[in-house]
Amino acid sequence: MIRIFAFDDSLERLNSLKALISLSDNLEYVGDAENCENVLSKMEEFYPDVVLMDINMPIVDGLEGLKQIKSKFPQIKVLIQTAFDDSDKIFQSISNGASGYILKSDHPTRILQAIEEVYEGGAAMNPAIAKRVLDYFSPKKNLEILTAKEQEVLKSLAEGNSYKMVADILGVSYSTINSHTKHIYEKLHISSLGEAIAWYYKNL
C-alpha cells in the first residue's frame, strides 16, 4: 500500500482526494492538514510515502512545507498540486525537491497515476507544466538576457562582420556598436569577441 497524506486549505478538496484515493486498492489515505504549520510532526505521526502538497495555504504554505519535509524526511515523495501554473512556483518546487507537479484541474485518473509515478521514483508532471520547464531550460531562453538591438549586433558580429560593417548594416555609428558590444560583454560576463561569438552559437 502507498500511504498518502494531503495538505490543502480546502476541506472540499481534501474530501475529494480522500474519496478518490479510497477507490484505489493500492493507495491508503492516512491523513491531512489545512496548512504546513506542524508539517514535521505530521510526517512523524503518519509517515506517508507520498505527500500531496497544495502551494497556497495560510500560516505556512506548501513551498515552506516542502523544504521542511525534504530536509528532515528526504525519502518522502512530495507531489505538488495547485490551481496555478505559475512558472516561479514550478521552479521553486522542483529546486526544493518536489517529485512532481500537477494541477488540481487534472483528471482524477491522472492524479492517481501521478501518485504511483512519484512513488516508483518517476517525476510526474502535468503536460502544460512540462512544456514550461522545457522552455525554461531551452538554450534560446538565454538570448533573452540581451536586448533586441544587442542580439542584432551579436548576430551580425557572429556572421563575421567587423564593428564598422555592423554599424553600416544597422545604420548606426561605430561608437554605438562599440557601446552595444560593451554591454553584451558585461551581461554575458565575457571579455572577448571570440567568447561572444562562441556564446551566440552555443545558445542559438
C-alpha atoms as a PDB file:
ATOM      1  CA  MET A   1       0.000   0.000   0.000  1.00  0.00           C
ATOM      2  CA  ILE A   2       1.163   3.513  -0.852  1.00  0.00           C
ATOM      3  CA  ARG A   3       0.475   5.775   2.128  1.00  0.00           C
ATOM      4  CA  ILE A   4      -0.855   9.236   1.192  1.00  0.00           C
ATOM      5  CA  PHE A   5      -1.007  12.430   3.266  1.00  0.00           C
ATOM      6  CA  ALA A   6      -2.595  15.596   1.838  1.00  0.00           C
ATOM      7  CA  PHE A   7      -2.108  19.283   2.633  1.00  0.00           C
ATOM      8  CA  ASP A   8      -4.823  21.661   1.405  1.00  0.00           C
ATOM      9  CA  ASP A   9      -6.736  24.562   2.934  1.00  0.00           C
ATOM     10  CA  SER A  10      -9.929  23.476   1.138  1.00  0.00           C
ATOM     11  CA  LEU A  11     -11.950  20.899   3.082  1.00  0.00           C
ATOM     12  CA  GLU A  12     -13.880  20.150  -0.094  1.00  0.00           C
ATOM     13  CA  ARG A  13     -10.636  19.364  -1.912  1.00  0.00           C
ATOM     14  CA  LEU A  14      -9.415  17.127   0.912  1.00  0.00           C
ATOM     15  CA  ASN A  15     -12.697  15.215   0.926  1.00  0.00           C
ATOM     16  CA  SER A  16     -12.474  14.767  -2.850  1.00  0.00           C
ATOM     17  CA  LEU A  17      -8.920  13.442  -2.602  1.00  0.00           C
ATOM     18  CA  LYS A  18      -9.884  11.094   0.212  1.00  0.00           C
ATOM     19  CA  ALA A  19     -12.808   9.724  -1.810  1.00  0.00           C
ATOM     20  CA  LEU A  20     -10.651   9.360  -4.929  1.00  0.00           C
ATOM     21  CA  ILE A  21      -7.807   7.582  -3.150  1.00  0.00           C
ATOM     22  CA  SER A  22     -10.198   5.221  -1.353  1.00  0.00           C
ATOM     23  CA  LEU A  23     -11.244   3.867  -4.762  1.00  0.00           C
ATOM     24  CA  SER A  24      -7.734   2.574  -5.424  1.00  0.00           C
ATOM     25  CA  ASP A  25      -6.750  -0.808  -3.973  1.00  0.00           C
ATOM     26  CA  ASN A  26      -3.065   0.045  -3.625  1.00  0.00           C
ATOM     27  CA  LEU A  27      -3.416   3.524  -2.064  1.00  0.00           C
ATOM     28  CA  GLU A  28      -4.194   4.405   1.556  1.00  0.00           C
ATOM     29  CA  TYR A  29      -5.242   7.903   2.658  1.00  0.00           C
ATOM     30  CA  VAL A  30      -3.612   8.235   6.084  1.00  0.00           C
ATOM     31  CA  GLY A  31      -4.322  11.868   6.977  1.00  0.00           C
ATOM     32  CA  ASP A  32      -4.487  15.521   6.008  1.00  0.00           C
ATOM     33  CA  ALA A  33      -3.976  19.099   7.234  1.00  0.00           C
ATOM     34  CA  GLU A  34      -5.094  22.575   6.150  1.00  0.00           C
ATOM     35  CA  ASN A  35      -1.574  24.053   6.215  1.00  0.00           C
ATOM     36  CA  CYS A  36       2.045  23.143   6.949  1.00  0.00           C
ATOM     37  CA  GLU A  37       2.288  24.693  10.403  1.00  0.00           C
ATOM     38  CA  ASN A  38       3.003  21.276  12.010  1.00  0.00           C
ATOM     39  CA  VAL A  39       4.364  19.570   8.920  1.00  0.00           C
ATOM     40  CA  LEU A  40       7.226  17.693  10.607  1.00  0.00           C
ATOM     41  CA  SER A  41       5.113  16.347  13.461  1.00  0.00           C
ATOM     42  CA  LYS A  42       2.539  15.190  10.898  1.00  0.00           C
ATOM     43  CA  MET A  43       5.235  13.357   8.961  1.00  0.00           C
ATOM     44  CA  GLU A  44       6.498  11.693  12.154  1.00  0.00           C
ATOM     45  CA  GLU A  45       2.969  10.682  13.171  1.00  0.00           C
ATOM     46  CA  PHE A  46       1.694   9.354   9.836  1.00  0.00           C
ATOM     47  CA  TYR A  47       4.940   8.695   7.933  1.00  0.00           C
ATOM     48  CA  PRO A  48       3.420   8.743   4.426  1.00  0.00           C
ATOM     49  CA  ASP A  49       5.115   7.512   1.262  1.00  0.00           C
ATOM     50  CA  VAL A  50       3.698  10.366  -0.835  1.00  0.00           C
ATOM     51  CA  VAL A  51       2.525  13.838   0.200  1.00  0.00           C
ATOM     52  CA  LEU A  52       0.018  15.737  -1.944  1.00  0.00           C
ATOM     53  CA  MET A  53       1.029  19.338  -1.321  1.00  0.00           C
ATOM     54  CA  ASP A  54      -1.046  22.418  -2.081  1.00  0.00           C
ATOM     55  CA  ILE A  55       1.077  25.564  -2.548  1.00  0.00           C
ATOM     56  CA  ASN A  56      -1.145  28.441  -1.481  1.00  0.00           C
ATOM     57  CA  MET A  57      -2.198  27.881   2.135  1.00  0.00           C
ATOM     58  CA  PRO A  58      -2.436  30.235   5.130  1.00  0.00           C
ATOM     59  CA  ILE A  59       0.078  30.460   8.004  1.00  0.00           C
ATOM     60  CA  VAL A  60       2.700  28.117   6.472  1.00  0.00           C
ATOM     61  CA  ASP A  61       2.440  27.467   2.719  1.00  0.00           C
ATOM     62  CA  GLY A  62       3.331  24.438   0.640  1.00  0.00           C
ATOM     63  CA  LEU A  63       6.723  25.663  -0.544  1.00  0.00           C
ATOM     64  CA  GLU A  64       7.919  26.018   3.048  1.00  0.00           C
ATOM     65  CA  GLY A  65       6.321  22.681   3.918  1.00  0.00           C
ATOM     66  CA  LEU A  66       8.152  21.053   1.017  1.00  0.00           C
ATOM     67  CA  LYS A  67      11.501  22.425   2.216  1.00  0.00           C
ATOM     68  CA  GLN A  68      10.941  21.136   5.740  1.00  0.00           C
ATOM     69  CA  ILE A  69       9.848  17.671   4.610  1.00  0.00           C
ATOM     70  CA  LYS A  70      12.812  17.220   2.260  1.00  0.00           C
ATOM     71  CA  SER A  71      15.295  18.439   4.876  1.00  0.00           C
ATOM     72  CA  LYS A  72      14.088  16.006   7.546  1.00  0.00           C
ATOM     73  CA  PHE A  73      12.491  13.196   5.533  1.00  0.00           C
ATOM     74  CA  PRO A  74      14.186  13.172   2.106  1.00  0.00           C
ATOM     75  CA  GLN A  75      12.741   9.738   1.293  1.00  0.00           C
ATOM     76  CA  ILE A  76       9.142  11.046   1.371  1.00  0.00           C
ATOM     77  CA  LYS A  77       7.940  11.943  -2.130  1.00  0.00           C
ATOM     78  CA  VAL A  78       6.177  15.290  -2.431  1.00  0.00           C
ATOM     79  CA  LEU A  79       3.746  15.827  -5.298  1.00  0.00           C
ATOM     80  CA  ILE A  80       2.842  19.490  -5.674  1.00  0.00           C
ATOM     81  CA  GLN A  81      -0.793  20.132  -6.607  1.00  0.00           C
ATOM     82  CA  THR A  82      -2.078  23.613  -7.286  1.00  0.00           C
ATOM     83  CA  ALA A  83      -4.652  25.585  -9.201  1.00  0.00           C
ATOM     84  CA  PHE A  84      -1.946  27.863 -10.592  1.00  0.00           C
ATOM     85  CA  ASP A  85       0.556  27.063 -13.342  1.00  0.00           C
ATOM     86  CA  ASP A  86       2.903  29.790 -12.106  1.00  0.00           C
ATOM     87  CA  SER A  87       6.412  29.374 -13.538  1.00  0.00           C
ATOM     88  CA  ASP A  88       8.211  30.729 -10.464  1.00  0.00           C
ATOM     89  CA  LYS A  89       6.392  28.298  -8.184  1.00  0.00           C
ATOM     90  CA  ILE A  90       7.108  25.414 -10.560  1.00  0.00           C
ATOM     91  CA  PHE A  91      10.853  26.047 -10.482  1.00  0.00           C
ATOM     92  CA  GLN A  92      10.922  26.751  -6.750  1.00  0.00           C
ATOM     93  CA  SER A  93       9.125  23.458  -6.143  1.00  0.00           C
ATOM     94  CA  ILE A  94      11.443  21.489  -8.402  1.00  0.00           C
ATOM     95  CA  SER A  95      14.596  23.075  -6.975  1.00  0.00           C
ATOM     96  CA  ASN A  96      13.389  22.341  -3.434  1.00  0.00           C
ATOM     97  CA  GLY A  97      12.981  18.646  -4.120  1.00  0.00           C
ATOM     98  CA  ALA A  98       9.420  18.115  -5.362  1.00  0.00           C
ATOM     99  CA  SER A  99       8.971  14.811  -7.185  1.00  0.00           C
ATOM    100  CA  GLY A 100       6.211  16.096  -9.420  1.00  0.00           C
ATOM    101  CA  TYR A 101       3.833  18.947 -10.170  1.00  0.00           C
ATOM    102  CA  ILE A 102       0.190  18.538 -11.160  1.00  0.00           C
ATOM    103  CA  LEU A 103      -2.748  20.907 -11.498  1.00  0.00           C
ATOM    104  CA  LYS A 104      -5.887  20.497  -9.425  1.00  0.00           C
ATOM    105  CA  SER A 105      -7.789  20.541 -12.710  1.00  0.00           C
ATOM    106  CA  ASP A 106      -6.040  17.369 -13.875  1.00  0.00           C
ATOM    107  CA  HIS A 107      -8.294  14.346 -14.445  1.00  0.00           C
ATOM    108  CA  PRO A 108      -8.699  12.142 -11.316  1.00  0.00           C
ATOM    109  CA  THR A 109      -7.151   9.207 -13.156  1.00  0.00           C
ATOM    110  CA  ARG A 110      -4.085  11.342 -13.899  1.00  0.00           C
ATOM    111  CA  ILE A 111      -3.768  12.296 -10.221  1.00  0.00           C
ATOM    112  CA  LEU A 112      -3.750   8.624  -9.185  1.00  0.00           C
ATOM    113  CA  GLN A 113      -1.236   7.853 -11.916  1.00  0.00           C
ATOM    114  CA  ALA A 114       0.999  10.726 -10.753  1.00  0.00           C
ATOM    115  CA  ILE A 115       0.994   9.378  -7.179  1.00  0.00           C
ATOM    116  CA  GLU A 116       2.166   5.971  -8.410  1.00  0.00           C
ATOM    117  CA  GLU A 117       4.779   7.532 -10.705  1.00  0.00           C
ATOM    118  CA  VAL A 118       6.458   9.540  -7.947  1.00  0.00           C
ATOM    119  CA  TYR A 119       6.271   6.602  -5.518  1.00  0.00           C
ATOM    120  CA  GLU A 120       8.158   4.483  -8.045  1.00  0.00           C
ATOM    121  CA  GLY A 121      10.820   7.152  -8.434  1.00  0.00           C
ATOM    122  CA  GLY A 122       9.472   8.919 -11.501  1.00  0.00           C
ATOM    123  CA  ALA A 123       8.826  12.631 -11.998  1.00  0.00           C
ATOM    124  CA  ALA A 124       5.140  13.199 -12.635  1.00  0.00           C
ATOM    125  CA  MET A 125       4.320  16.442 -14.379  1.00  0.00           C
ATOM    126  CA  ASN A 126       1.276  17.972 -15.993  1.00  0.00           C
ATOM    127  CA  PRO A 127       1.971  18.289 -19.785  1.00  0.00           C
ATOM    128  CA  ALA A 128       1.483  22.077 -19.793  1.00  0.00           C
ATOM    129  CA  ILE A 129       3.928  22.402 -16.920  1.00  0.00           C
ATOM    130  CA  ALA A 130       6.411  20.040 -18.575  1.00  0.00           C
ATOM    131  CA  LYS A 131       6.438  22.335 -21.602  1.00  0.00           C
ATOM    132  CA  ARG A 132       7.153  25.355 -19.402  1.00  0.00           C
ATOM    133  CA  VAL A 133      10.064  23.514 -17.812  1.00  0.00           C
ATOM    134  CA  LEU A 134      11.478  22.585 -21.231  1.00  0.00           C
ATOM    135  CA  ASP A 135      11.035  26.155 -22.469  1.00  0.00           C
ATOM    136  CA  TYR A 136      12.727  27.486 -19.336  1.00  0.00           C
ATOM    137  CA  PHE A 137      15.781  25.303 -19.818  1.00  0.00           C
ATOM    138  CA  SER A 138      15.890  25.748 -23.590  1.00  0.00           C
ATOM    139  CA  PRO A 139      19.124  27.482 -24.690  1.00  0.00           C
ATOM    140  CA  LYS A 140      17.074  30.047 -26.625  1.00  0.00           C
ATOM    141  CA  LYS A 141      15.940  31.416 -23.311  1.00  0.00           C
ATOM    142  CA  ASN A 142      19.476  32.693 -22.757  1.00  0.00           C
ATOM    143  CA  LEU A 143      19.238  35.094 -25.689  1.00  0.00           C
ATOM    144  CA  GLU A 144      16.540  36.983 -23.826  1.00  0.00           C
ATOM    145  CA  ILE A 145      19.084  38.463 -21.430  1.00  0.00           C
ATOM    146  CA  LEU A 146      20.187  40.657 -24.353  1.00  0.00           C
ATOM    147  CA  THR A 147      18.034  43.432 -25.806  1.00  0.00           C
ATOM    148  CA  ALA A 148      16.733  43.043 -29.359  1.00  0.00           C
ATOM    149  CA  LYS A 149      19.360  45.503 -30.617  1.00  0.00           C
ATOM    150  CA  GLU A 150      22.165  43.706 -28.747  1.00  0.00           C
ATOM    151  CA  GLN A 151      21.026  40.429 -30.304  1.00  0.00           C
ATOM    152  CA  GLU A 152      21.162  42.055 -33.750  1.00  0.00           C
ATOM    153  CA  VAL A 153      24.680  43.322 -33.113  1.00  0.00           C
ATOM    154  CA  LEU A 154      25.895  39.963 -31.802  1.00  0.00           C
ATOM    155  CA  LYS A 155      24.303  38.085 -34.697  1.00  0.00           C
ATOM    156  CA  SER A 156      25.998  40.348 -37.219  1.00  0.00           C
ATOM    157  CA  LEU A 157      29.379  40.059 -35.461  1.00  0.00           C
ATOM    158  CA  ALA A 158      28.963  36.257 -35.344  1.00  0.00           C
ATOM    159  CA  GLU A 159      28.452  36.289 -39.114  1.00  0.00           C
ATOM    160  CA  GLY A 160      31.975  37.674 -39.467  1.00  0.00           C
ATOM    161  CA  ASN A 161      31.287  41.367 -39.849  1.00  0.00           C
ATOM    162  CA  SER A 162      33.585  43.990 -38.340  1.00  0.00           C
ATOM    163  CA  TYR A 163      32.336  46.708 -35.981  1.00  0.00           C
ATOM    164  CA  LYS A 164      32.328  49.185 -38.891  1.00  0.00           C
ATOM    165  CA  MET A 165      30.448  46.765 -41.154  1.00  0.00           C
ATOM    166  CA  VAL A 166      27.869  46.088 -38.434  1.00  0.00           C
ATOM    167  CA  ALA A 167      27.442  49.864 -37.984  1.00  0.00           C
ATOM    168  CA  ASP A 168      26.826  50.246 -41.722  1.00  0.00           C
ATOM    169  CA  ILE A 169      24.396  47.297 -41.839  1.00  0.00           C
ATOM    170  CA  LEU A 170      22.353  48.578 -38.885  1.00  0.00           C
ATOM    171  CA  GLY A 171      22.618  52.215 -39.926  1.00  0.00           C
ATOM    172  CA  VAL A 172      24.202  53.433 -36.700  1.00  0.00           C
ATOM    173  CA  SER A 173      27.562  54.857 -35.665  1.00  0.00           C
ATOM    174  CA  TYR A 174      30.698  52.887 -34.857  1.00  0.00           C
ATOM    175  CA  SER A 175      30.573  54.166 -31.278  1.00  0.00           C
ATOM    176  CA  THR A 176      27.005  52.853 -30.896  1.00  0.00           C
ATOM    177  CA  ILE A 177      28.143  49.359 -31.922  1.00  0.00           C
ATOM    178  CA  ASN A 178      31.085  49.659 -29.549  1.00  0.00           C
ATOM    179  CA  SER A 179      28.687  50.584 -26.747  1.00  0.00           C
ATOM    180  CA  HIS A 180      26.336  47.688 -27.533  1.00  0.00           C
ATOM    181  CA  THR A 181      29.264  45.270 -27.566  1.00  0.00           C
ATOM    182  CA  LYS A 182      30.478  46.528 -24.203  1.00  0.00           C
ATOM    183  CA  HIS A 183      27.013  45.868 -22.740  1.00  0.00           C
ATOM    184  CA  ILE A 184      26.971  42.390 -24.293  1.00  0.00           C
ATOM    185  CA  TYR A 185      30.317  41.574 -22.660  1.00  0.00           C
ATOM    186  CA  GLU A 186      29.043  42.788 -19.289  1.00  0.00           C
ATOM    187  CA  LYS A 187      25.792  40.803 -19.472  1.00  0.00           C
ATOM    188  CA  LEU A 188      27.485  37.591 -20.610  1.00  0.00           C
ATOM    189  CA  HIS A 189      30.435  38.000 -18.212  1.00  0.00           C
ATOM    190  CA  ILE A 190      32.964  37.626 -21.009  1.00  0.00           C
ATOM    191  CA  SER A 191      35.882  39.707 -22.218  1.00  0.00           C
ATOM    192  CA  SER A 192      36.467  38.986 -25.911  1.00  0.00           C
ATOM    193  CA  LEU A 193      34.688  38.908 -29.249  1.00  0.00           C
ATOM    194  CA  GLY A 194      35.637  35.254 -29.684  1.00  0.00           C
ATOM    195  CA  GLU A 195      33.868  34.355 -26.452  1.00  0.00           C
ATOM    196  CA  ALA A 196      30.823  36.364 -27.520  1.00  0.00           C
ATOM    197  CA  ILE A 197      30.590  34.568 -30.859  1.00  0.00           C
ATOM    198  CA  ALA A 198      31.075  31.156 -29.225  1.00  0.00           C
ATOM    199  CA  TRP A 199      28.303  32.012 -26.730  1.00  0.00           C
ATOM    200  CA  TYR A 200      25.997  33.075 -29.554  1.00  0.00           C
ATOM    201  CA  TYR A 201      26.305  29.823 -31.493  1.00  0.00           C
ATOM    202  CA  LYS A 202      26.007  27.734 -28.341  1.00  0.00           C
ATOM    203  CA  ASN A 203      22.781  29.487 -27.380  1.00  0.00           C
ATOM    204  CA  LEU A 204      21.300  29.992 -30.835  1.00  0.00           C
END
